[in-house]
């Protein structure tokens, strides 16, 4: 197993796990059980995504595509709950 990415939070980690699984890449989330102890542990470096060595390059490429994606122009909502229009 090779550590390939450090998600910012548990939500991002879960999204990436599902995305990788949909592409046929089995990933493991390391540190999930430590998130509840964040009050006593440094919050940086707790979560890591790991994949088999053979799938690491492809998984990292998919994660890079995910992190560099931009919203599609014209698909932003005009208004909605919790959206402040200025």
Protein backbone atom coordinates (compact mmCIF):
# COMPACT_ATOMS: atom_id res chain seq x y z
CA UNK A 1 0.00 0.00 0.00
CA UNK A 2 1.19 3.47 -0.87
CA UNK A 3 -0.03 6.71 0.70
CA UNK A 4 -1.03 9.00 -2.13
CA UNK A 5 -3.13 11.84 -0.71
CA UNK A 6 -3.95 13.68 2.51
CA UNK A 7 -7.60 14.81 2.41
CA UNK A 8 -8.55 18.02 4.21
CA UNK A 9 -11.38 16.37 6.12
CA UNK A 10 -13.43 13.21 6.46
CA UNK A 11 -16.04 14.37 3.93
CA UNK A 12 -13.45 14.88 1.21
CA UNK A 13 -11.91 11.51 2.07
CA UNK A 14 -15.25 9.71 1.70
CA UNK A 15 -15.96 11.43 -1.65
CA UNK A 16 -12.54 10.38 -2.95
CA UNK A 17 -13.00 6.80 -1.74
CA UNK A 18 -16.27 6.54 -3.69
CA UNK A 19 -14.76 8.19 -6.77
CA UNK A 20 -11.79 5.81 -6.76
CA UNK A 21 -14.04 2.81 -6.20
CA UNK A 22 -16.19 3.86 -9.18
CA UNK A 23 -13.00 3.73 -11.28
CA UNK A 24 -12.15 0.24 -10.02
CA UNK A 25 -9.45 1.37 -7.59
CA UNK A 26 -9.59 -0.04 -4.09
CA UNK A 27 -8.46 2.58 -1.59
CA UNK A 28 -8.04 2.53 2.16
CA UNK A 29 -8.59 5.51 4.44
CA UNK A 30 -5.97 5.63 7.17
CA UNK A 31 -6.69 7.66 10.30
CA UNK A 32 -10.50 7.59 10.17
CA UNK A 33 -10.65 6.46 13.78
CA UNK A 34 -8.42 9.35 14.90
CA UNK A 35 -10.73 12.10 13.64
CA UNK A 36 -12.82 12.00 16.82
CA UNK A 37 -9.73 12.77 18.88
CA UNK A 38 -8.92 15.99 17.03
CA UNK A 39 -9.30 18.03 20.18
CA UNK A 40 -6.18 16.39 21.59
CA UNK A 41 -4.24 15.61 18.40
CA UNK A 42 -2.88 17.96 15.75
CA UNK A 43 -5.51 18.16 13.01
CA UNK A 44 -2.98 17.97 10.18
CA UNK A 45 -1.83 14.62 8.89
CA UNK A 46 -4.49 12.42 10.47
CA UNK A 47 -6.16 11.27 7.26
CA UNK A 48 -4.39 9.55 4.38
CA UNK A 49 -5.63 7.68 1.35
CA UNK A 50 -3.61 4.61 0.44
CA UNK A 51 -3.87 2.33 -2.59
CA UNK A 52 -2.01 -0.68 -3.93
CA UNK A 53 1.35 0.28 -5.40
CA UNK A 54 0.25 -0.83 -8.88
CA UNK A 55 -2.74 1.56 -8.83
CA UNK A 56 -1.02 4.53 -7.20
CA UNK A 57 -0.18 6.46 -10.37
CA UNK A 58 -3.69 6.18 -11.82
CA UNK A 59 -5.33 7.00 -8.48
CA UNK A 60 -3.17 10.07 -8.02
CA UNK A 61 -4.01 11.26 -11.54
CA UNK A 62 -7.74 10.93 -10.78
CA UNK A 63 -7.35 12.80 -7.49
CA UNK A 64 -5.41 15.57 -9.27
CA UNK A 65 -8.26 15.88 -11.79
CA UNK A 66 -10.74 16.09 -8.91
CA UNK A 67 -8.80 18.75 -7.01
CA UNK A 68 -8.19 20.90 -10.09
CA UNK A 69 -11.79 20.78 -11.38
CA UNK A 70 -13.66 24.04 -11.78
CA UNK A 71 -17.44 24.57 -11.75
CA UNK A 72 -19.10 24.49 -15.14
CA UNK A 73 -19.87 28.04 -16.27
CA UNK A 74 -23.56 28.88 -16.17
CA UNK A 75 -24.46 26.10 -13.75
CA UNK A 76 -24.33 28.21 -10.62
CA UNK A 77 -27.76 28.65 -8.98
CA UNK A 78 -29.28 32.12 -9.13
CA UNK A 79 -30.42 31.86 -5.54
CA UNK A 80 -31.23 29.32 -2.90
CA UNK A 81 -31.13 28.69 0.80
CA UNK A 82 -27.87 29.85 2.33
CA UNK A 83 -26.67 31.64 -0.80
CA UNK A 84 -25.85 35.30 -0.37
CA UNK A 85 -26.12 37.25 -3.59
CA UNK A 86 -24.12 40.48 -3.67
